[in-house]
Amino acid sequence: MSLRRMLDSRKDSAHRRRSFDRLGASIAARVSGCLAGLLLLLWQPGCSSLSSDEDSGMFGKMANIGGIRGPLERSLYGEESPLEMGRKYTEAERREARLCREAYDKGNYEEAIKLGKKTAKKFKESSLGEEAQFYLGESHFALGKYSAAQNDYAQLFEDYPSTRYVEPATRRLFAIARVWLEVAEPVARNEIRQVSGEKVIDEGPPPKPPRDPTLRVRVLPNFHDRTRPMFDTQGRALECLKQIWMNDPTGPLADDALMLTATYYQRHDNYVEADRYYEILREEYPDSPHLEDAFLLGAHVKQMSYQGPYYEGRELTGARKLKEQTLQLFPASHQRQQLRKDLDELYLLEAQRAWSKVEYYQKKRRPRAVAIACIQLLSEYPDTNYAKDARALLKTIDKKELAGLPEVPEFIDSMPAAEPQGSPGSDSGGSPVKSVSNGRVLEQG
């Protein structure tokens, strides 16, 4: 039996092999026939088969087979099919979306929320779903459920980046951010209103900080105030502001959102983040009414970011440049006197950095490097008490140690024997006070 099965299987294999050979030969014959026909067309005299004439030629005949037109030609002649033009919603479907807006207009916000959720999900990524999503957020905002409203507007921007409701949605987000920041920081209420362009009226004694522990400790859940999110009210407010300038960077509230974010970080002594947002405001919004504040307060936070003479001095240099630019760009600024005072203090801080380099080489016992650092300090900050100490130190260096340094011994010999009287600068070689201009938002008349 096993031998018979073996023979049968061999017969079946041979039969299948012959079938495949016949199929391959048939396909090859058809392909060769098509190629031959194509070659005949290409070799016709005058190549008339390639003419674009509608009455003759391969292109003309192919273009008019069965009256077929290309997508662009069909759109020009108004011959697009309903499928190509997009889905056509029925009257019942349009009415379903319209009910959400009508419920909102009538003040029936709970019903509008119910209908909005259903419609936004059913008609997602369509004009009907976009409208439903917007009125869903509007209904939550009208009920004072700001956390849910923020989520709705964020979903609107995510699903419809070019939404036609971008301006009203960003205005709602800005209002929500202001409410949350004023609740969390009543002492900063006037500054928040100044940033948003409102005229501030003195309302008596400043309010006290909130006693609510969920506002002071961000990880504590909020179960009692439905106008605020469950956690981190201030952080959610900053998210609202970010959604504004990210989704509507050319809108009327983009610079306000950046300014409010920067001043928030400044109040919380996060000078690095504040500096970053002031810089964005200066570079991206040169026509903003907050531009002068961005220069003034940007220079302030840069100076406050400076950690001392033994750290990087980039912030110090940046603060000085910003203050100089502010004096040039805003000659009528009422902060000019304070800016000049700050520039004098920055000058002393830079001199202190130069003197710290001298002290470093002294500790390393490198007299040649000490001499070069002292001469550099004298050339850049000659009217400070650090320069006085540098001159005294240069006179103590053995000239044998300075062999091979061109002009250094001559410079030391040319120094006056007595120090000049009345040199401005700090009272001693110690660290000057790092006082800067007032960091508040400028008062508006």
Protein backbone atom coordinates (compact mmCIF):
# COMPACT_ATOMS: atom_id res chain seq x y z
CA MET A 1 0.00 0.00 0.00
CA SER A 2 2.79 2.44 0.77
CA LEU A 3 4.39 1.88 -2.66
CA ARG A 4 1.05 2.51 -4.41
CA ARG A 5 0.55 5.76 -2.48
CA MET A 6 4.06 6.84 -3.47
CA LEU A 7 3.35 6.23 -7.16
CA ASP A 8 -0.01 8.04 -6.98
CA SER A 9 1.59 11.07 -5.34
CA ARG A 10 4.25 11.20 -8.05
CA LYS A 11 1.54 11.11 -10.74
CA ASP A 12 -0.32 13.95 -9.03
CA SER A 13 2.86 16.03 -8.81
CA ALA A 14 3.60 15.50 -12.49
CA HIS A 15 0.02 16.46 -13.40
CA ARG A 16 0.19 19.68 -11.35
CA ARG A 17 3.57 20.55 -12.86
CA ARG A 18 2.16 20.20 -16.42
CA SER A 19 -0.82 22.40 -15.50
CA PHE A 20 1.46 25.15 -14.16
CA ASP A 21 3.60 24.94 -17.30
CA ARG A 22 0.54 25.39 -19.55
CA LEU A 23 -0.67 28.36 -17.43
CA GLY A 24 2.76 30.03 -17.59
CA ALA A 25 2.93 29.59 -21.35
CA SER A 26 -0.52 31.15 -21.76
CA ILE A 27 0.42 34.18 -19.66
CA ALA A 28 3.70 34.64 -21.54
CA ALA A 29 1.85 34.52 -24.88
CA ARG A 30 -0.59 37.20 -23.77
CA VAL A 31 2.16 39.49 -22.46
CA SER A 32 4.18 39.12 -25.66
CA GLY A 33 1.08 39.91 -27.69
CA CYS A 34 0.49 43.14 -25.74
CA LEU A 35 4.11 44.16 -26.15
CA ALA A 36 3.96 43.50 -29.86
CA GLY A 37 0.86 45.65 -30.22
CA LEU A 38 2.47 48.47 -28.32
CA LEU A 39 5.58 48.33 -30.51
CA LEU A 40 3.43 48.52 -33.65
CA LEU A 41 1.74 51.64 -32.33
CA LEU A 42 5.07 53.29 -31.53
CA TRP A 43 6.52 52.49 -34.98
CA GLN A 44 3.66 53.90 -37.07
CA PRO A 45 4.84 56.54 -39.57
CA GLY A 46 4.89 60.09 -38.21
CA CYS A 47 4.09 58.82 -34.71
CA SER A 48 0.51 59.98 -35.23
CA SER A 49 -0.55 57.55 -32.54
CA LEU A 50 1.06 59.85 -29.92
CA SER A 51 -0.82 62.91 -31.08
CA SER A 52 -2.90 64.77 -28.51
CA ASP A 53 -5.58 65.48 -31.12
CA GLU A 54 -9.01 64.37 -29.95
CA ASP A 55 -9.83 62.82 -33.37
CA SER A 56 -6.70 60.70 -33.72
CA GLY A 57 -3.80 59.47 -31.64
CA MET A 58 -3.40 57.26 -28.62
CA PHE A 59 -3.70 60.04 -26.00
CA GLY A 60 -6.82 61.49 -27.55
CA LYS A 61 -8.53 58.11 -27.81
CA MET A 62 -7.56 57.12 -24.28
CA ALA A 63 -8.78 60.44 -22.86
CA ASN A 64 -12.23 59.99 -24.37
CA ILE A 65 -12.81 56.33 -23.71
CA GLY A 66 -16.27 56.09 -22.21
CA GLY A 67 -16.33 59.86 -21.58
CA ILE A 68 -13.85 59.54 -18.71
CA ARG A 69 -12.38 62.80 -17.32
CA GLY A 70 -9.61 63.39 -14.77
CA PRO A 71 -10.30 64.71 -11.21
CA LEU A 72 -9.32 68.30 -12.07
CA GLU A 73 -11.39 68.27 -15.28
CA ARG A 74 -14.40 66.89 -13.43
CA SER A 75 -14.17 69.57 -10.74
CA LEU A 76 -13.93 72.32 -13.39
CA TYR A 77 -17.03 71.05 -15.16
CA GLY A 78 -18.93 70.44 -11.92
CA GLU A 79 -19.12 66.70 -12.50
CA GLU A 80 -17.84 65.48 -9.10
CA SER A 81 -19.79 62.68 -7.57
CA PRO A 82 -21.27 63.06 -4.07
CA LEU A 83 -18.59 60.73 -2.77
CA GLU A 84 -15.80 62.91 -4.21
CA MET A 85 -17.30 66.13 -2.86
CA GLY A 86 -17.72 64.73 0.64
CA ARG A 87 -20.62 63.26 2.47
CA LYS A 88 -23.95 65.02 2.03
CA TYR A 89 -25.72 65.11 5.39
CA THR A 90 -29.43 64.54 5.45
CA GLU A 91 -31.85 67.05 6.88
CA ALA A 92 -32.36 64.82 9.91
CA GLU A 93 -28.62 64.73 10.61
CA ARG A 94 -28.28 68.49 10.27
CA ARG A 95 -31.25 68.96 12.55
CA GLU A 96 -29.61 66.68 15.13
CA ALA A 97 -26.59 68.99 15.23
CA ARG A 98 -28.76 72.11 15.21
CA LEU A 99 -30.61 70.98 18.33
CA CYS A 100 -27.42 71.35 20.38
CA ARG A 101 -27.00 74.99 19.37
CA GLU A 102 -30.68 75.74 19.92
CA ALA A 103 -30.55 74.24 23.41
CA TYR A 104 -27.55 76.44 24.22
CA ASP A 105 -29.25 79.57 22.85
CA LYS A 106 -32.29 78.86 25.04
CA GLY A 107 -30.11 78.49 28.15
CA ASN A 108 -30.83 74.77 28.50
CA TYR A 109 -27.16 73.99 29.07
CA GLU A 110 -27.57 70.51 30.53
CA GLU A 111 -29.54 69.42 27.48
CA ALA A 112 -26.97 71.09 25.21
CA ILE A 113 -24.19 69.13 26.94
CA LYS A 114 -26.07 65.87 26.48
CA LEU A 115 -26.74 66.54 22.80
CA GLY A 116 -23.26 67.96 22.20
CA LYS A 117 -21.47 64.87 23.48
CA LYS A 118 -23.58 62.59 21.31
CA THR A 119 -23.28 64.71 18.17
CA ALA A 120 -19.55 65.41 18.54
CA LYS A 121 -18.87 61.70 18.78
CA LYS A 122 -21.23 60.69 15.97
CA PHE A 123 -20.02 63.30 13.46
CA LYS A 124 -16.36 63.46 14.48
CA GLU A 125 -14.00 65.24 12.04
CA SER A 126 -16.85 66.99 10.26
CA SER A 127 -18.39 70.45 10.36
CA LEU A 128 -21.31 69.12 12.40
CA GLY A 129 -18.99 67.56 14.95
CA GLU A 130 -16.93 70.75 15.13
CA GLU A 131 -19.98 72.85 15.93
CA ALA A 132 -21.19 70.37 18.53
CA GLN A 133 -17.77 70.27 20.22
CA PHE A 134 -17.65 74.07 20.46
CA TYR A 135 -21.11 74.39 21.98
CA LEU A 136 -20.28 71.58 24.37
CA GLY A 137 -17.47 73.75 25.75
CA GLU A 138 -19.68 76.84 25.74
CA SER A 139 -22.34 75.04 27.78
CA HIS A 140 -19.83 73.90 30.39
CA PHE A 141 -18.44 77.45 30.57
CA ALA A 142 -21.92 78.91 31.05
CA LEU A 143 -22.51 76.52 33.97
CA GLY A 144 -19.22 77.54 35.58
CA LYS A 145 -17.66 74.11 35.02
CA TYR A 146 -14.42 75.61 33.80
CA SER A 147 -12.34 72.46 34.05
CA ALA A 148 -14.71 70.57 31.74
CA ALA A 149 -14.88 73.58 29.43
CA GLN A 150 -11.08 73.68 29.14
CA ASN A 151 -11.06 70.00 28.21
CA ASP A 152 -13.72 70.62 25.57
CA TYR A 153 -11.83 73.51 23.97
CA ALA A 154 -8.60 71.49 24.03
CA GLN A 155 -10.39 68.64 22.24
CA LEU A 156 -11.76 71.14 19.71
CA PHE A 157 -8.23 72.32 18.85
CA GLU A 158 -6.96 68.75 18.70
CA ASP A 159 -9.67 67.47 16.36
CA TYR A 160 -10.01 70.66 14.29
CA PRO A 161 -6.66 72.55 14.22
CA SER A 162 -8.09 75.11 11.78
CA THR A 163 -11.41 75.46 13.55
CA ARG A 164 -13.56 78.45 12.72
CA TYR A 165 -14.20 78.92 16.45
CA VAL A 166 -10.56 79.66 17.31
CA GLU A 167 -11.13 83.25 18.46
CA PRO A 168 -14.12 82.68 20.79
CA ALA A 169 -12.48 79.53 22.17
CA THR A 170 -9.23 81.35 23.01
CA ARG A 171 -11.17 84.15 24.69
CA ARG A 172 -12.88 81.60 26.90
CA LEU A 173 -9.56 79.98 27.76
CA PHE A 174 -8.07 83.35 28.70
CA ALA A 175 -11.03 84.11 30.93
CA ILE A 176 -10.71 80.71 32.63
CA ALA A 177 -6.98 81.20 33.22
CA ARG A 178 -7.55 84.61 34.77
CA VAL A 179 -10.25 83.30 37.10
CA TRP A 180 -8.08 80.44 38.32
CA LEU A 181 -4.98 82.62 38.80
CA GLU A 182 -6.92 85.31 40.68
CA VAL A 183 -8.48 82.70 42.94
CA ALA A 184 -5.15 81.04 43.64
CA GLU A 185 -3.22 84.32 44.06
CA PRO A 186 -5.51 87.17 45.18
CA VAL A 187 -2.48 89.31 46.05
CA ALA A 188 -1.52 89.36 42.35
CA ARG A 189 -5.02 90.23 41.11
CA ASN A 190 -4.12 93.80 40.08
CA GLU A 191 -1.08 92.62 38.14
CA ILE A 192 -3.17 89.99 36.34
CA ARG A 193 -5.70 92.61 35.31
CA GLN A 194 -3.00 94.99 34.14
CA VAL A 195 -1.53 92.31 31.92
CA SER A 196 -4.92 91.70 30.33
CA GLY A 197 -5.30 95.44 29.61
CA GLU A 198 -7.95 96.30 32.19
CA LYS A 199 -7.84 99.54 34.11
CA VAL A 200 -7.10 98.79 37.75
CA ILE A 201 -9.12 100.57 40.41
CA ASP A 202 -7.92 100.62 44.00
CA GLU A 203 -10.27 98.32 45.89
CA GLY A 204 -8.94 99.03 49.38
CA PRO A 205 -6.47 96.90 51.30
CA PRO A 206 -4.84 94.08 49.33
CA PRO A 207 -6.54 90.71 49.71
CA LYS A 208 -4.96 88.04 51.86
CA PRO A 209 -3.57 84.78 50.46
CA PRO A 210 -6.15 81.99 50.17
CA ARG A 211 -6.66 79.66 53.11
CA ASP A 212 -7.89 76.79 50.98
CA PRO A 213 -5.25 74.04 51.33
CA THR A 214 -6.05 72.67 47.86
CA LEU A 215 -4.77 75.96 46.43
CA ARG A 216 -1.58 75.96 48.47
CA VAL A 217 -0.83 72.24 48.14
CA ARG A 218 -1.37 71.24 44.53
CA VAL A 219 -1.57 67.49 45.10
CA LEU A 220 -4.59 67.80 47.40
CA PRO A 221 -7.84 67.01 45.55
CA ASN A 222 -10.54 69.65 45.23
CA PHE A 223 -14.00 68.23 45.93
CA HIS A 224 -15.83 71.42 46.99
CA ASP A 225 -15.36 73.99 44.21
CA ARG A 226 -16.72 72.88 40.84
CA THR A 227 -15.30 75.97 39.10
CA ARG A 228 -11.76 74.66 39.66
CA PRO A 229 -10.04 71.48 38.49
CA MET A 230 -9.52 68.54 40.78
CA PHE A 231 -5.75 69.16 41.09
CA ASP A 232 -3.24 71.95 40.47
CA THR A 233 -5.36 75.00 39.69
CA GLN A 234 -2.34 77.17 38.82
CA GLY A 235 -0.87 74.53 36.52
CA ARG A 236 -4.16 74.13 34.65
CA ALA A 237 -4.35 77.92 34.27
CA LEU A 238 -0.92 77.90 32.62
CA GLU A 239 -2.16 75.12 30.30
CA CYS A 240 -5.01 77.39 29.21
CA LEU A 241 -2.58 80.18 28.41
CA LYS A 242 -0.33 77.83 26.46
CA GLN A 243 -3.25 76.57 24.40
CA ILE A 244 -3.98 80.18 23.41
CA TRP A 245 -0.60 81.13 21.97
CA MET A 246 0.03 77.66 20.55
CA ASN A 247 -3.28 77.37 18.69
CA ASP A 248 -3.77 81.04 17.79
CA PRO A 249 -0.26 82.56 17.62
CA THR A 250 -1.42 85.52 15.52
CA GLY A 251 -4.58 86.15 17.51
CA PRO A 252 -5.31 89.16 19.72
CA LEU A 253 -4.67 87.26 22.97
CA ALA A 254 -1.42 85.46 22.14
CA ASP A 255 0.85 88.18 23.54
CA ASP A 256 -1.41 88.63 26.59
CA ALA A 257 -1.16 84.91 27.32
CA LEU A 258 2.64 84.99 27.05
CA MET A 259 2.89 88.06 29.28
CA LEU A 260 0.63 86.56 31.92
CA THR A 261 2.65 83.33 31.88
CA ALA A 262 5.95 85.21 32.22
CA THR A 263 4.75 87.34 35.14
CA TYR A 264 3.42 84.23 36.89
CA TYR A 265 6.84 82.59 36.80
CA GLN A 266 8.46 85.84 37.88
CA ARG A 267 6.22 86.10 40.95
CA HIS A 268 7.22 82.57 41.87
CA ASP A 269 10.95 83.34 41.46
CA ASN A 270 11.31 80.97 38.53
CA TYR A 271 13.46 83.45 36.64
CA VAL A 272 14.68 81.01 34.01
CA GLU A 273 11.16 80.22 32.78
CA ALA A 274 10.12 83.87 33.04
CA ASP A 275 13.12 84.87 30.94
CA ARG A 276 12.16 82.32 28.29
CA TYR A 277 8.63 83.69 27.89
CA TYR A 278 9.77 87.33 27.89
CA GLU A 279 12.22 86.44 25.14
CA ILE A 280 9.47 84.82 23.03
CA LEU A 281 7.35 87.94 23.51
CA ARG A 282 10.20 90.26 22.43
CA GLU A 283 11.10 88.21 19.36
CA GLU A 284 7.68 87.14 18.07
CA TYR A 285 5.48 90.13 18.98
CA PRO A 286 7.39 93.38 18.31
CA ASP A 287 4.10 95.28 17.91
CA SER A 288 2.68 94.14 21.25
CA PRO A 289 1.73 96.77 23.85
CA HIS A 290 3.67 94.59 26.31
CA LEU A 291 6.95 95.07 24.44
CA GLU A 292 8.41 97.66 26.82
CA ASP A 293 7.51 95.51 29.83
CA ALA A 294 9.08 92.51 28.10
CA PHE A 295 12.36 94.41 27.82
CA LEU A 296 12.26 95.87 31.34
CA LEU A 297 11.16 92.75 33.16
CA GLY A 298 13.21 90.50 30.87
CA ALA A 299 16.35 92.37 31.94
CA HIS A 300 15.21 92.08 35.55
CA VAL A 301 14.77 88.30 35.49
CA LYS A 302 18.06 87.84 33.63
CA GLN A 303 19.87 89.77 36.35
CA MET A 304 18.09 87.81 39.07
CA SER A 305 19.12 84.57 37.36
CA TYR A 306 22.77 85.46 37.88
CA GLN A 307 24.21 83.15 40.55
CA GLY A 308 27.44 84.94 41.38
CA PRO A 309 30.99 85.48 40.13
CA TYR A 310 31.89 81.79 40.26
CA TYR A 311 29.09 80.80 37.88
CA GLU A 312 28.41 81.48 34.22
CA GLY A 313 28.03 85.17 33.42
CA ARG A 314 25.79 84.88 30.34
CA GLU A 315 22.73 86.16 32.24
CA LEU A 316 24.70 89.17 33.48
CA THR A 317 25.79 90.12 29.97
CA GLY A 318 22.28 89.58 28.63
CA ALA A 319 20.76 91.77 31.35
CA ARG A 320 23.16 94.61 30.56
CA LYS A 321 22.41 94.41 26.81
CA LEU A 322 18.66 94.39 27.43
CA LYS A 323 18.83 97.43 29.69
CA GLU A 324 20.91 99.31 27.14
CA GLN A 325 18.43 98.37 24.38
CA THR A 326 15.55 99.51 26.57
CA LEU A 327 17.12 102.94 26.99
CA GLN A 328 17.54 103.22 23.22
CA LEU A 329 14.13 101.86 22.18
CA PHE A 330 12.03 103.61 24.85
CA PRO A 331 13.58 107.03 25.51
CA ALA A 332 10.38 108.26 27.20
CA SER A 333 10.21 105.36 29.69
CA HIS A 334 9.61 106.48 33.28
CA GLN A 335 12.05 103.74 34.34
CA ARG A 336 15.09 105.44 32.76
CA GLN A 337 16.58 106.56 36.07
CA GLN A 338 16.24 103.09 37.55
CA LEU A 339 17.73 101.54 34.41
CA ARG A 340 20.83 103.73 34.67
CA LYS A 341 21.20 102.77 38.31
CA ASP A 342 20.90 99.09 37.41
CA LEU A 343 23.52 99.48 34.68
CA ASP A 344 25.96 100.89 37.28
CA GLU A 345 25.29 97.87 39.49
CA LEU A 346 25.80 95.50 36.57
CA TYR A 347 29.08 97.25 35.83
CA LEU A 348 30.26 96.49 39.37
CA LEU A 349 29.07 92.89 39.13
CA GLU A 350 31.08 92.41 35.94
CA ALA A 351 34.12 93.94 37.63
CA GLN A 352 33.62 91.52 40.50
CA ARG A 353 33.68 88.62 38.02
CA ALA A 354 36.97 89.91 36.62
CA TRP A 355 38.42 90.15 40.16
CA SER A 356 37.27 86.60 40.96
CA LYS A 357 39.41 85.42 38.04
CA VAL A 358 42.42 87.19 39.59
CA GLU A 359 41.77 85.49 42.93
CA TYR A 360 41.47 82.12 41.20
CA TYR A 361 44.94 82.42 39.64
CA GLN A 362 46.33 83.63 42.95
CA LYS A 363 45.17 80.43 44.62
CA LYS A 364 46.76 78.44 41.81
CA ARG A 365 50.02 80.40 42.32
CA ARG A 366 50.30 81.42 38.71
CA PRO A 367 51.76 84.95 38.79
CA ARG A 368 51.87 85.34 35.00
CA ALA A 369 48.13 84.59 34.71
CA VAL A 370 47.48 86.91 37.68
CA ALA A 371 49.30 89.74 35.93
CA ILE A 372 47.35 89.27 32.68
CA ALA A 373 43.99 89.09 34.53
CA CYS A 374 44.84 92.25 36.51
CA ILE A 375 45.74 94.17 33.35
CA GLN A 376 42.49 93.05 31.70
CA LEU A 377 40.50 94.22 34.74
CA LEU A 378 42.26 97.59 34.68
CA SER A 379 41.51 98.09 30.99
CA GLU A 380 37.79 97.26 31.29
CA TYR A 381 36.90 98.53 34.80
CA PRO A 382 39.48 101.20 35.64
CA ASP A 383 37.27 103.30 37.93
CA THR A 384 36.33 100.63 40.48
CA ASN A 385 37.92 99.64 43.76
CA TYR A 386 38.63 96.27 42.14
CA ALA A 387 41.02 98.14 39.86
CA LYS A 388 42.68 99.68 42.90
CA ASP A 389 43.31 96.21 44.34
CA ALA A 390 44.58 95.00 40.96
CA ARG A 391 47.18 97.81 40.77
CA ALA A 392 48.40 97.02 44.26
CA LEU A 393 48.68 93.35 43.40
CA LEU A 394 50.61 93.98 40.20
CA LYS A 395 53.29 95.89 42.12
CA THR A 396 53.94 92.85 44.33
CA ILE A 397 54.65 90.45 41.47
CA ASP A 398 58.33 89.62 40.91
CA LYS A 399 59.31 90.85 37.44
CA LYS A 400 61.38 87.74 36.91
CA GLU A 401 58.11 85.79 36.79
CA LEU A 402 56.95 88.01 33.91
CA ALA A 403 59.86 87.26 31.59
CA GLY A 404 58.67 86.62 28.07
CA LEU A 405 55.41 88.58 28.45
CA PRO A 406 55.70 91.55 26.06
CA GLU A 407 54.76 94.99 27.44
CA VAL A 408 53.60 93.65 30.83
CA PRO A 409 56.64 94.90 32.80
CA GLU A 410 56.43 98.25 30.97
CA PHE A 411 52.74 98.53 31.89
CA ILE A 412 53.55 97.94 35.57
CA ASP A 413 56.33 100.55 35.52
CA SER A 414 53.97 103.09 33.92
CA MET A 415 51.40 102.84 36.71
CA PRO A 416 51.25 105.90 39.03
CA ALA A 417 52.83 105.55 42.44
CA ALA A 418 49.70 106.82 44.21
CA GLU A 419 46.12 105.85 43.52
CA PRO A 420 43.89 108.49 41.90
CA GLN A 421 41.48 110.13 44.33
CA GLY A 422 37.71 110.08 44.02
CA SER A 423 37.40 106.93 41.93
CA PRO A 424 33.78 105.82 41.66
CA GLY A 425 32.83 102.28 42.46
CA SER A 426 32.08 100.15 45.46
CA ASP A 427 33.34 101.06 48.90
CA SER A 428 35.44 97.92 49.07
CA GLY A 429 36.50 94.95 47.06
CA GLY A 430 33.61 92.96 48.45
CA SER A 431 30.51 91.80 46.61
CA PRO A 432 28.17 94.64 45.61
CA VAL A 433 24.48 94.46 46.36
CA LYS A 434 22.45 92.87 43.54
CA SER A 435 19.51 95.27 43.57
CA VAL A 436 17.45 95.61 40.42
CA SER A 437 14.47 97.55 39.18
CA ASN A 438 11.04 96.83 40.51
CA GLY A 439 9.79 93.53 39.06
CA ARG A 440 6.09 94.44 39.12
CA VAL A 441 4.08 94.98 35.99
CA LEU A 442 4.28 98.66 35.12
CA GLU A 443 1.37 100.72 36.39
CA GLN A 444 -0.94 102.01 33.72
CA GLY A 445 -2.53 105.40 33.92
